[in-house]
């Protein structure tokens, strides 16, 4: 490793430690060490839990809006979330251990109602917890909608829109996401 690369690595580590300290001071629950690049957590800091070894890359947004007690966003040990991904919770979003989430993904636990006779902006939110198991790989640009459970060891292809449960060890793709095959050694 060149001297310049080593100095950049040291500077990034120091910046991440400062962000750890700052977000802890705001109320984010960080267990152990997390690698935090240039991320955004605009509000409800106390509703976010990051386990040891979590890595959040540039421009990741963790957004909690009036999450109930015990709800919010929880990300398990050694999970990595790539650039420009948004996790948007109003109930609860749980991401397991050792997950990899690609860039430009959107994960939510709610949507808006669309009853006739009401303005769109006045529609109530409809929510259901979203759960992503351990060792799940979510490809670039995937969208995970409210109430979805993705089983352990599953793979979500790039660009997929997941609207229903994904079995453990399944590979899903498409809009809406459909099972393509099973991973042989997922047992």
N, C-alpha and C. Protein backbone atom coordinates (compact mmCIF):
# COMPACT_ATOMS: atom_id res chain seq x y z
N UNK A 1 0.86 -1.18 0.00
CA UNK A 1 0.00 0.00 0.00
C UNK A 1 0.90 1.24 0.00
N UNK A 2 0.60 2.17 -0.87
CA UNK A 2 1.41 3.38 -0.96
C UNK A 2 1.17 4.26 0.27
N UNK A 3 2.07 5.18 0.49
CA UNK A 3 1.95 6.10 1.62
C UNK A 3 0.68 6.94 1.49
N UNK A 4 0.38 7.42 0.28
CA UNK A 4 -0.82 8.23 0.08
C UNK A 4 -2.08 7.42 0.40
N UNK A 5 -2.13 6.17 -0.05
CA UNK A 5 -3.29 5.32 0.23
C UNK A 5 -3.44 5.08 1.73
N UNK A 6 -2.32 4.88 2.41
CA UNK A 6 -2.35 4.66 3.87
C UNK A 6 -2.86 5.91 4.59
N UNK A 7 -2.41 7.08 4.17
CA UNK A 7 -2.86 8.33 4.79
C UNK A 7 -4.36 8.55 4.57
N UNK A 8 -4.84 8.23 3.37
CA UNK A 8 -6.28 8.35 3.10
C UNK A 8 -7.06 7.39 3.98
N UNK A 9 -6.56 6.17 4.14
CA UNK A 9 -7.22 5.18 4.99
C UNK A 9 -7.29 5.66 6.44
N UNK A 10 -6.22 6.24 6.94
CA UNK A 10 -6.19 6.76 8.31
C UNK A 10 -7.18 7.91 8.46
N UNK A 11 -7.22 8.82 7.49
CA UNK A 11 -8.15 9.95 7.55
C UNK A 11 -9.60 9.48 7.52
N UNK A 12 -9.91 8.50 6.67
CA UNK A 12 -11.28 7.97 6.62
C UNK A 12 -11.66 7.31 7.94
N UNK A 13 -10.73 6.59 8.54
CA UNK A 13 -11.00 5.95 9.83
C UNK A 13 -11.29 6.99 10.90
N UNK A 14 -10.51 8.07 10.92
CA UNK A 14 -10.74 9.14 11.90
C UNK A 14 -12.10 9.80 11.68
N UNK A 15 -12.47 10.02 10.41
CA UNK A 15 -13.78 10.61 10.11
C UNK A 15 -14.90 9.70 10.56
N UNK A 16 -14.75 8.40 10.34
CA UNK A 16 -15.77 7.45 10.76
C UNK A 16 -15.92 7.44 12.28
N UNK A 17 -14.80 7.49 13.00
CA UNK A 17 -14.86 7.53 14.48
C UNK A 17 -15.57 8.79 14.96
N UNK A 18 -15.31 9.92 14.30
CA UNK A 18 -16.02 11.16 14.66
C UNK A 18 -17.52 11.01 14.42
N UNK A 19 -17.91 10.41 13.30
CA UNK A 19 -19.34 10.20 13.03
C UNK A 19 -19.96 9.25 14.05
N UNK A 20 -19.24 8.19 14.43
CA UNK A 20 -19.72 7.29 15.49
C UNK A 20 -20.02 8.09 16.75
N UNK A 21 -19.07 8.91 17.15
CA UNK A 21 -19.24 9.71 18.36
C UNK A 21 -20.44 10.64 18.22
N UNK A 22 -20.55 11.33 17.08
CA UNK A 22 -21.62 12.30 16.86
C UNK A 22 -22.99 11.63 16.90
N UNK A 23 -23.16 10.54 16.17
CA UNK A 23 -24.46 9.88 16.14
C UNK A 23 -24.80 9.25 17.48
N UNK A 24 -23.81 8.74 18.21
CA UNK A 24 -24.07 8.25 19.57
C UNK A 24 -24.57 9.39 20.46
N UNK A 25 -23.94 10.55 20.33
CA UNK A 25 -24.36 11.71 21.14
C UNK A 25 -25.79 12.11 20.82
N UNK A 26 -26.24 11.91 19.58
CA UNK A 26 -27.61 12.23 19.20
C UNK A 26 -28.61 11.16 19.65
N UNK A 27 -28.13 9.97 20.02
CA UNK A 27 -29.02 8.92 20.51
C UNK A 27 -29.07 7.66 19.67
N UNK A 28 -28.32 7.60 18.56
CA UNK A 28 -28.26 6.37 17.78
C UNK A 28 -27.56 5.31 18.63
N UNK A 29 -28.13 4.11 18.67
CA UNK A 29 -27.54 3.01 19.44
C UNK A 29 -26.53 2.28 18.55
N UNK A 30 -25.25 2.50 18.81
CA UNK A 30 -24.19 1.85 18.03
C UNK A 30 -23.47 0.90 18.97
N UNK A 31 -23.56 -0.40 18.67
CA UNK A 31 -22.90 -1.41 19.49
C UNK A 31 -21.53 -1.69 18.89
N UNK A 32 -20.49 -1.51 19.66
CA UNK A 32 -19.15 -1.73 19.13
C UNK A 32 -18.79 -0.62 18.16
N UNK A 33 -18.17 -1.01 17.05
CA UNK A 33 -17.75 -0.03 16.06
C UNK A 33 -18.55 -0.18 14.77
N UNK A 34 -18.90 0.93 14.19
CA UNK A 34 -19.56 0.96 12.89
C UNK A 34 -18.72 1.82 11.96
N UNK A 35 -18.73 1.49 10.69
CA UNK A 35 -18.01 2.26 9.68
C UNK A 35 -19.04 3.14 8.99
N UNK A 36 -18.98 4.43 9.28
CA UNK A 36 -19.98 5.37 8.78
C UNK A 36 -19.31 6.38 7.87
N UNK A 37 -19.65 6.33 6.59
CA UNK A 37 -19.13 7.32 5.66
C UNK A 37 -20.02 8.56 5.75
N UNK A 38 -20.22 9.26 4.69
CA UNK A 38 -21.01 10.48 4.67
C UNK A 38 -22.50 10.10 4.60
N UNK A 39 -23.09 9.77 5.77
CA UNK A 39 -24.47 9.28 5.81
C UNK A 39 -25.39 10.35 6.38
N UNK A 40 -26.71 10.09 6.28
CA UNK A 40 -27.69 11.03 6.81
C UNK A 40 -28.69 10.28 7.68
N UNK A 41 -28.87 10.78 8.90
CA UNK A 41 -29.91 10.31 9.80
C UNK A 41 -30.61 11.58 10.29
N UNK A 42 -31.66 12.03 9.56
CA UNK A 42 -32.21 13.35 9.83
C UNK A 42 -33.01 13.51 11.12
N UNK A 43 -33.57 12.42 11.67
CA UNK A 43 -34.39 12.58 12.88
C UNK A 43 -34.62 11.22 13.54
N UNK A 44 -35.27 11.25 14.70
CA UNK A 44 -35.60 10.03 15.46
C UNK A 44 -34.37 9.13 15.64
N UNK A 45 -33.27 9.73 16.06
CA UNK A 45 -32.01 9.00 16.21
C UNK A 45 -32.13 7.84 17.18
N UNK A 46 -32.94 8.01 18.23
CA UNK A 46 -33.09 6.96 19.25
C UNK A 46 -33.77 5.71 18.69
N UNK A 47 -34.35 5.77 17.51
CA UNK A 47 -35.05 4.63 16.90
C UNK A 47 -34.15 3.81 15.97
N UNK A 48 -32.85 4.06 16.02
CA UNK A 48 -31.92 3.37 15.12
C UNK A 48 -30.88 2.61 15.93
N UNK A 49 -30.69 1.31 15.58
CA UNK A 49 -29.70 0.47 16.25
C UNK A 49 -28.77 -0.13 15.20
N UNK A 50 -27.47 0.10 15.38
CA UNK A 50 -26.45 -0.45 14.49
C UNK A 50 -25.58 -1.40 15.30
N UNK A 51 -25.52 -2.66 14.91
CA UNK A 51 -24.71 -3.65 15.62
C UNK A 51 -23.24 -3.49 15.23
N UNK A 52 -22.38 -4.20 15.93
CA UNK A 52 -20.94 -4.13 15.71
C UNK A 52 -20.59 -4.52 14.26
N UNK A 53 -19.73 -3.73 13.66
CA UNK A 53 -19.23 -4.04 12.33
C UNK A 53 -20.10 -3.60 11.18
N UNK A 54 -21.19 -2.89 11.46
CA UNK A 54 -22.04 -2.37 10.38
C UNK A 54 -21.25 -1.34 9.58
N UNK A 55 -21.41 -1.38 8.25
CA UNK A 55 -20.74 -0.41 7.38
C UNK A 55 -21.79 0.27 6.50
N UNK A 56 -21.85 1.60 6.59
CA UNK A 56 -22.78 2.39 5.80
C UNK A 56 -21.97 3.31 4.90
N UNK A 57 -22.11 3.14 3.60
CA UNK A 57 -21.30 3.88 2.64
C UNK A 57 -21.89 5.27 2.38
N UNK A 58 -21.26 6.02 1.49
CA UNK A 58 -21.65 7.40 1.20
C UNK A 58 -23.13 7.54 0.85
N UNK A 59 -23.74 8.57 1.41
CA UNK A 59 -25.10 9.00 1.08
C UNK A 59 -26.18 7.97 1.40
N UNK A 60 -25.91 7.06 2.33
CA UNK A 60 -26.96 6.19 2.86
C UNK A 60 -27.84 7.06 3.76
N UNK A 61 -29.16 6.88 3.67
CA UNK A 61 -30.11 7.62 4.50
C UNK A 61 -30.89 6.63 5.35
N UNK A 62 -30.86 6.84 6.67
CA UNK A 62 -31.67 6.07 7.61
C UNK A 62 -32.73 7.01 8.14
N UNK A 63 -33.98 6.80 7.73
CA UNK A 63 -35.05 7.73 8.04
C UNK A 63 -36.13 7.04 8.86
N UNK A 64 -36.32 7.50 10.09
CA UNK A 64 -37.41 7.03 10.94
C UNK A 64 -38.39 8.18 11.13
N UNK A 65 -39.67 7.88 10.94
CA UNK A 65 -40.71 8.88 11.09
C UNK A 65 -41.70 8.39 12.13
N UNK A 66 -41.64 8.95 13.33
CA UNK A 66 -42.59 8.63 14.40
C UNK A 66 -42.70 7.13 14.64
N UNK A 67 -41.57 6.44 14.69
CA UNK A 67 -41.58 4.99 14.94
C UNK A 67 -42.04 4.72 16.36
N UNK A 68 -42.84 3.65 16.56
CA UNK A 68 -43.30 3.32 17.91
C UNK A 68 -42.14 2.82 18.77
N UNK A 69 -42.34 2.83 20.07
CA UNK A 69 -41.33 2.31 20.99
C UNK A 69 -41.00 0.87 20.62
N UNK A 70 -39.73 0.56 20.52
CA UNK A 70 -39.30 -0.78 20.12
C UNK A 70 -39.24 -0.97 18.62
N UNK A 71 -39.70 0.01 17.84
CA UNK A 71 -39.64 -0.08 16.39
C UNK A 71 -38.42 0.64 15.87
N UNK A 72 -38.46 1.05 14.63
CA UNK A 72 -37.36 1.78 14.04
C UNK A 72 -36.54 0.92 13.10
N UNK A 73 -35.26 1.23 13.00
CA UNK A 73 -34.36 0.53 12.10
C UNK A 73 -33.31 -0.19 12.92
N UNK A 74 -33.13 -1.48 12.65
CA UNK A 74 -32.12 -2.29 13.32
C UNK A 74 -31.30 -3.01 12.26
N UNK A 75 -29.98 -2.83 12.30
CA UNK A 75 -29.09 -3.45 11.32
C UNK A 75 -28.10 -4.34 12.07
N UNK A 76 -28.05 -5.63 11.69
CA UNK A 76 -27.26 -6.64 12.39
C UNK A 76 -25.77 -6.60 12.08
N UNK A 77 -25.02 -7.34 12.88
CA UNK A 77 -23.56 -7.40 12.82
C UNK A 77 -23.04 -7.58 11.40
N UNK A 78 -22.02 -6.83 11.08
CA UNK A 78 -21.23 -6.98 9.86
C UNK A 78 -22.04 -6.84 8.57
N UNK A 79 -23.15 -6.14 8.62
CA UNK A 79 -23.92 -5.88 7.39
C UNK A 79 -23.38 -4.64 6.71
N UNK A 80 -23.43 -4.64 5.38
CA UNK A 80 -22.90 -3.54 4.58
C UNK A 80 -24.01 -2.97 3.71
N UNK A 81 -24.15 -1.66 3.74
CA UNK A 81 -25.14 -0.97 2.92
C UNK A 81 -24.40 0.00 2.01
N UNK A 82 -24.58 -0.19 0.71
CA UNK A 82 -23.84 0.56 -0.29
C UNK A 82 -24.44 1.95 -0.53
N UNK A 83 -23.78 2.71 -1.36
CA UNK A 83 -24.10 4.12 -1.62
C UNK A 83 -25.54 4.37 -2.05
N UNK A 84 -26.03 5.54 -1.63
CA UNK A 84 -27.32 6.09 -2.07
C UNK A 84 -28.51 5.17 -1.78
N UNK A 85 -28.41 4.34 -0.76
CA UNK A 85 -29.54 3.50 -0.35
C UNK A 85 -30.32 4.23 0.72
N UNK A 86 -31.66 4.13 0.66
CA UNK A 86 -32.52 4.75 1.67
C UNK A 86 -33.30 3.66 2.39
N UNK A 87 -33.27 3.72 3.72
CA UNK A 87 -34.08 2.84 4.56
C UNK A 87 -35.05 3.75 5.28
N UNK A 88 -36.34 3.58 5.01
CA UNK A 88 -37.39 4.52 5.40
C UNK A 88 -38.42 3.80 6.27
N UNK A 89 -38.39 4.05 7.59
CA UNK A 89 -39.23 3.32 8.53
C UNK A 89 -40.24 4.21 9.24
N UNK A 90 -41.45 3.68 9.41
CA UNK A 90 -42.43 4.30 10.30
C UNK A 90 -42.95 3.28 11.31
N UNK A 91 -42.64 2.01 11.12
CA UNK A 91 -43.00 0.93 12.05
C UNK A 91 -41.70 0.26 12.52
N UNK A 92 -41.18 -0.68 11.71
CA UNK A 92 -39.94 -1.37 12.04
C UNK A 92 -39.34 -2.01 10.79
N UNK A 93 -38.04 -1.82 10.62
CA UNK A 93 -37.28 -2.51 9.58
C UNK A 93 -36.10 -3.18 10.28
N UNK A 94 -36.04 -4.51 10.15
CA UNK A 94 -34.96 -5.28 10.76
C UNK A 94 -34.13 -5.92 9.65
N UNK A 95 -32.83 -5.65 9.68
CA UNK A 95 -31.89 -6.23 8.72
C UNK A 95 -30.96 -7.12 9.52
N UNK A 96 -30.81 -8.36 9.10
CA UNK A 96 -30.03 -9.35 9.84
C UNK A 96 -28.53 -9.14 9.75
N UNK A 97 -27.82 -10.17 10.17
CA UNK A 97 -26.35 -10.16 10.19
C UNK A 97 -25.79 -10.52 8.82
N UNK A 98 -24.62 -9.97 8.52
CA UNK A 98 -23.84 -10.32 7.34
C UNK A 98 -24.59 -10.12 6.02
N UNK A 99 -25.43 -9.10 5.97
CA UNK A 99 -26.16 -8.78 4.74
C UNK A 99 -25.35 -7.82 3.88
N UNK A 100 -25.57 -7.89 2.57
CA UNK A 100 -24.99 -6.93 1.64
C UNK A 100 -26.13 -6.31 0.85
N UNK A 101 -26.22 -4.99 0.90
CA UNK A 101 -27.27 -4.28 0.18
C UNK A 101 -26.59 -3.35 -0.81
N UNK A 102 -26.93 -3.51 -2.08
CA UNK A 102 -26.28 -2.77 -3.16
C UNK A 102 -26.64 -1.29 -3.18
N UNK A 103 -26.05 -0.55 -4.10
CA UNK A 103 -26.31 0.88 -4.20
C UNK A 103 -27.70 1.17 -4.74
N UNK A 104 -28.21 2.34 -4.39
CA UNK A 104 -29.48 2.87 -4.91
C UNK A 104 -30.69 1.98 -4.60
N UNK A 105 -30.68 1.32 -3.45
CA UNK A 105 -31.83 0.50 -3.03
C UNK A 105 -32.77 1.35 -2.18
N UNK A 106 -34.01 0.90 -2.08
CA UNK A 106 -35.01 1.55 -1.22
C UNK A 106 -35.72 0.46 -0.44
N UNK A 107 -35.72 0.59 0.89
CA UNK A 107 -36.37 -0.38 1.77
C UNK A 107 -37.33 0.39 2.66
N UNK A 108 -38.60 -0.05 2.69
CA UNK A 108 -39.60 0.67 3.48
C UNK A 108 -40.52 -0.29 4.21
N UNK A 109 -41.24 0.24 5.18
CA UNK A 109 -42.24 -0.55 5.91
C UNK A 109 -43.61 0.12 5.85
N UNK A 110 -43.81 1.04 4.93
CA UNK A 110 -45.09 1.74 4.85
C UNK A 110 -45.35 2.26 3.43
N UNK A 111 -46.60 2.61 3.21
CA UNK A 111 -46.99 3.34 2.00
C UNK A 111 -48.16 4.24 2.36
N UNK A 112 -48.65 5.00 1.40
CA UNK A 112 -49.76 5.91 1.63
C UNK A 112 -51.07 5.27 1.21
N UNK A 113 -52.13 5.65 1.93
CA UNK A 113 -53.46 5.26 1.51
C UNK A 113 -53.86 6.03 0.26
N UNK A 114 -54.93 5.60 -0.38
CA UNK A 114 -55.41 6.32 -1.56
C UNK A 114 -56.94 6.26 -1.63
N UNK A 115 -57.57 6.56 -0.51
CA UNK A 115 -59.04 6.56 -0.44
C UNK A 115 -59.61 7.70 -1.28
N UNK A 116 -60.74 7.46 -1.92
CA UNK A 116 -61.35 8.53 -2.72
C UNK A 116 -61.87 9.65 -1.82
N UNK A 117 -61.88 10.85 -2.37
CA UNK A 117 -62.43 11.99 -1.64
C UNK A 117 -61.47 12.66 -0.68
N UNK A 118 -60.22 12.19 -0.62
CA UNK A 118 -59.22 12.81 0.25
C UNK A 118 -58.03 13.26 -0.59
N UNK A 119 -57.44 14.37 -0.19
CA UNK A 119 -56.22 14.81 -0.86
C UNK A 119 -55.12 13.77 -0.61
N UNK A 120 -54.26 13.61 -1.57
CA UNK A 120 -53.17 12.65 -1.44
C UNK A 120 -52.33 12.95 -0.21
N UNK A 121 -52.03 14.21 0.03
CA UNK A 121 -51.17 14.56 1.17
C UNK A 121 -51.83 14.29 2.51
N UNK A 122 -53.17 14.15 2.54
CA UNK A 122 -53.89 13.89 3.79
C UNK A 122 -54.14 12.40 4.04
N UNK A 123 -53.73 11.56 3.13
CA UNK A 123 -53.96 10.12 3.28
C UNK A 123 -53.10 9.57 4.44
N UNK A 124 -53.65 8.66 5.22
CA UNK A 124 -52.87 8.07 6.31
C UNK A 124 -51.84 7.07 5.77
N UNK A 125 -50.75 6.90 6.53
CA UNK A 125 -49.76 5.88 6.20
C UNK A 125 -50.33 4.51 6.57
N UNK A 126 -49.98 3.51 5.78
CA UNK A 126 -50.32 2.13 6.08
C UNK A 126 -48.99 1.40 6.22
N UNK A 127 -48.79 0.72 7.35
CA UNK A 127 -47.50 0.11 7.57
C UNK A 127 -47.56 -1.32 8.05
N UNK A 128 -46.47 -2.03 7.82
CA UNK A 128 -46.25 -3.38 8.33
C UNK A 128 -44.74 -3.59 8.37
N UNK A 129 -44.25 -4.21 9.43
CA UNK A 129 -42.81 -4.41 9.61
C UNK A 129 -42.20 -5.14 8.42
N UNK A 130 -40.98 -4.76 8.09
CA UNK A 130 -40.21 -5.39 7.02
C UNK A 130 -39.00 -6.04 7.65
N UNK A 131 -38.75 -7.32 7.31
CA UNK A 131 -37.66 -8.08 7.92
C UNK A 131 -36.78 -8.70 6.84
N UNK A 132 -35.49 -8.49 6.97
CA UNK A 132 -34.50 -9.09 6.07
C UNK A 132 -33.63 -10.00 6.93
N UNK A 133 -33.57 -11.28 6.59
CA UNK A 133 -32.85 -12.27 7.38
C UNK A 133 -31.34 -12.10 7.32
N UNK A 134 -30.63 -13.10 7.84
CA UNK A 134 -29.17 -13.09 7.86
C UNK A 134 -28.60 -13.51 6.50
N UNK A 135 -27.44 -12.97 6.17
CA UNK A 135 -26.68 -13.35 4.98
C UNK A 135 -27.50 -13.18 3.70
N UNK A 136 -28.22 -12.08 3.60
CA UNK A 136 -29.03 -11.77 2.42
C UNK A 136 -28.25 -10.80 1.54
N UNK A 137 -28.33 -11.02 0.24
CA UNK A 137 -27.68 -10.14 -0.73
C UNK A 137 -28.78 -9.48 -1.56
N UNK A 138 -28.82 -8.15 -1.52
CA UNK A 138 -29.80 -7.38 -2.28
C UNK A 138 -29.04 -6.56 -3.33
N UNK A 139 -29.34 -6.80 -4.59
CA UNK A 139 -28.63 -6.17 -5.69
C UNK A 139 -28.99 -4.71 -5.88
N UNK A 140 -28.21 -4.04 -6.70
CA UNK A 140 -28.35 -2.60 -6.95
C UNK A 140 -29.75 -2.24 -7.43
N UNK A 141 -30.28 -1.16 -6.88
CA UNK A 141 -31.55 -0.61 -7.34
C UNK A 141 -32.79 -1.40 -6.96
N UNK A 142 -32.65 -2.39 -6.10
CA UNK A 142 -33.81 -3.17 -5.68
C UNK A 142 -34.68 -2.34 -4.74
N UNK A 143 -35.97 -2.65 -4.73
CA UNK A 143 -36.93 -1.99 -3.85
C UNK A 143 -37.62 -3.06 -3.02
N UNK A 144 -37.62 -2.89 -1.70
CA UNK A 144 -38.26 -3.82 -0.78
C UNK A 144 -39.42 -3.07 -0.14
N UNK A 145 -40.65 -3.54 -0.35
CA UNK A 145 -41.83 -2.83 0.11
C UNK A 145 -42.32 -3.33 1.47
N UNK A 146 -43.31 -2.64 2.01
CA UNK A 146 -43.81 -2.88 3.37
C UNK A 146 -44.28 -4.32 3.58
N UNK A 147 -44.04 -4.80 4.80
CA UNK A 147 -44.54 -6.10 5.21
C UNK A 147 -43.81 -7.29 4.65
N UNK A 148 -42.75 -7.09 3.91
CA UNK A 148 -42.01 -8.18 3.28
C UNK A 148 -41.08 -8.83 4.31
N UNK A 149 -40.97 -10.15 4.25
CA UNK A 149 -39.96 -10.89 4.99
C UNK A 149 -39.09 -11.61 3.98
N UNK A 150 -37.79 -11.37 4.05
CA UNK A 150 -36.82 -12.05 3.19
C UNK A 150 -36.06 -13.02 4.07
N UNK A 151 -36.13 -14.31 3.74
CA UNK A 151 -35.50 -15.35 4.55
C UNK A 151 -33.98 -15.33 4.47
N UNK A 152 -33.36 -16.03 5.42
CA UNK A 152 -31.90 -16.13 5.47
C UNK A 152 -31.34 -16.66 4.14
N UNK A 153 -30.16 -16.20 3.80
CA UNK A 153 -29.39 -16.70 2.65
C UNK A 153 -30.07 -16.46 1.30
N UNK A 154 -31.00 -15.54 1.22
CA UNK A 154 -31.69 -15.24 -0.04
C UNK A 154 -30.90 -14.22 -0.85
N UNK A 155 -31.21 -14.16 -2.14
CA UNK A 155 -30.60 -13.19 -3.05
C UNK A 155 -31.73 -12.47 -3.79
N UNK A 156 -31.68 -11.14 -3.79
CA UNK A 156 -32.62 -10.31 -4.54
C UNK A 156 -31.83 -9.67 -5.68
N UNK A 157 -32.24 -9.95 -6.91
CA UNK A 157 -31.51 -9.46 -8.08
C UNK A 157 -31.61 -7.94 -8.21
N UNK A 158 -30.65 -7.38 -8.90
CA UNK A 158 -30.64 -5.94 -9.16
C UNK A 158 -31.93 -5.53 -9.86
N UNK A 159 -32.51 -4.42 -9.41
CA UNK A 159 -33.69 -3.87 -10.03
C UNK A 159 -35.00 -4.54 -9.67
N UNK A 160 -34.97 -5.56 -8.84
CA UNK A 160 -36.20 -6.27 -8.45
C UNK A 160 -37.05 -5.40 -7.53
N UNK A 161 -38.36 -5.58 -7.60
CA UNK A 161 -39.27 -4.95 -6.65
C UNK A 161 -39.94 -6.07 -5.87
N UNK A 162 -39.61 -6.17 -4.58
CA UNK A 162 -40.09 -7.26 -3.73
C UNK A 162 -41.36 -6.80 -3.03
N UNK A 163 -42.47 -7.50 -3.32
CA UNK A 163 -43.77 -7.14 -2.77
C UNK A 163 -44.33 -8.21 -1.84
N UNK A 164 -43.68 -9.39 -1.80
CA UNK A 164 -44.16 -10.48 -0.95
C UNK A 164 -42.97 -11.26 -0.40
N UNK A 165 -43.25 -12.20 0.50
CA UNK A 165 -42.21 -12.94 1.21
C UNK A 165 -41.28 -13.68 0.25
N UNK A 166 -40.01 -13.76 0.66
CA UNK A 166 -38.99 -14.49 -0.09
C UNK A 166 -38.51 -15.63 0.81
N UNK A 167 -38.55 -16.85 0.30
CA UNK A 167 -38.16 -18.03 1.08
C UNK A 167 -36.67 -18.01 1.38
N UNK A 168 -36.25 -18.63 2.50
CA UNK A 168 -34.83 -18.77 2.77
C UNK A 168 -34.13 -19.48 1.61
N UNK A 169 -32.99 -18.95 1.19
CA UNK A 169 -32.21 -19.57 0.12
C UNK A 169 -32.74 -19.35 -1.28
N UNK A 170 -33.76 -18.53 -1.45
CA UNK A 170 -34.33 -18.28 -2.78
C UNK A 170 -33.58 -17.16 -3.49
N UNK A 171 -33.57 -17.25 -4.81
CA UNK A 171 -33.07 -16.17 -5.66
C UNK A 171 -34.30 -15.60 -6.37
N UNK A 172 -34.55 -14.29 -6.18
CA UNK A 172 -35.71 -13.66 -6.80
C UNK A 172 -35.26 -12.54 -7.73
N UNK A 173 -36.06 -12.30 -8.78
CA UNK A 173 -35.76 -11.25 -9.74
C UNK A 173 -37.06 -10.79 -10.38
N UNK A 174 -37.03 -9.58 -10.94
CA UNK A 174 -38.15 -9.10 -11.73
C UNK A 174 -39.03 -8.10 -11.02
N UNK A 175 -40.05 -7.64 -11.76
CA UNK A 175 -41.00 -6.66 -11.27
C UNK A 175 -42.40 -7.19 -11.54
N UNK A 176 -43.13 -7.65 -10.55
CA UNK A 176 -42.68 -7.86 -9.18
C UNK A 176 -41.73 -9.05 -9.10
N UNK A 177 -40.95 -9.11 -8.02
CA UNK A 177 -39.95 -10.16 -7.86
C UNK A 177 -40.62 -11.53 -7.78
N UNK A 178 -40.07 -12.48 -8.53
CA UNK A 178 -40.54 -13.87 -8.52
C UNK A 178 -39.34 -14.78 -8.30
N UNK A 179 -39.59 -15.91 -7.66
CA UNK A 179 -38.51 -16.85 -7.41
C UNK A 179 -38.00 -17.43 -8.72
N UNK A 180 -36.67 -17.37 -8.91
CA UNK A 180 -36.03 -17.91 -10.10
C UNK A 180 -35.45 -19.29 -9.85
N UNK A 181 -34.89 -19.47 -8.66
CA UNK A 181 -34.30 -20.76 -8.27
C UNK A 181 -33.97 -20.72 -6.79
N UNK A 182 -33.45 -21.85 -6.29
CA UNK A 182 -33.00 -21.95 -4.91
C UNK A 182 -31.48 -22.08 -4.91
N UNK A 183 -30.86 -21.57 -3.87
CA UNK A 183 -29.42 -21.75 -3.70
C UNK A 183 -29.24 -23.13 -3.08
N UNK A 184 -28.44 -23.98 -3.69
CA UNK A 184 -28.33 -25.39 -3.29
C UNK A 184 -27.90 -25.59 -1.85
N UNK A 185 -26.95 -24.78 -1.38
CA UNK A 185 -26.40 -25.02 -0.04
C UNK A 185 -26.96 -24.06 0.99
N UNK A 186 -28.18 -23.56 0.81
CA UNK A 186 -28.75 -22.58 1.73
C UNK A 186 -29.23 -23.20 3.03
N UNK A 187 -29.34 -24.53 3.10
CA UNK A 187 -29.89 -25.22 4.26
C UNK A 187 -29.20 -24.91 5.51
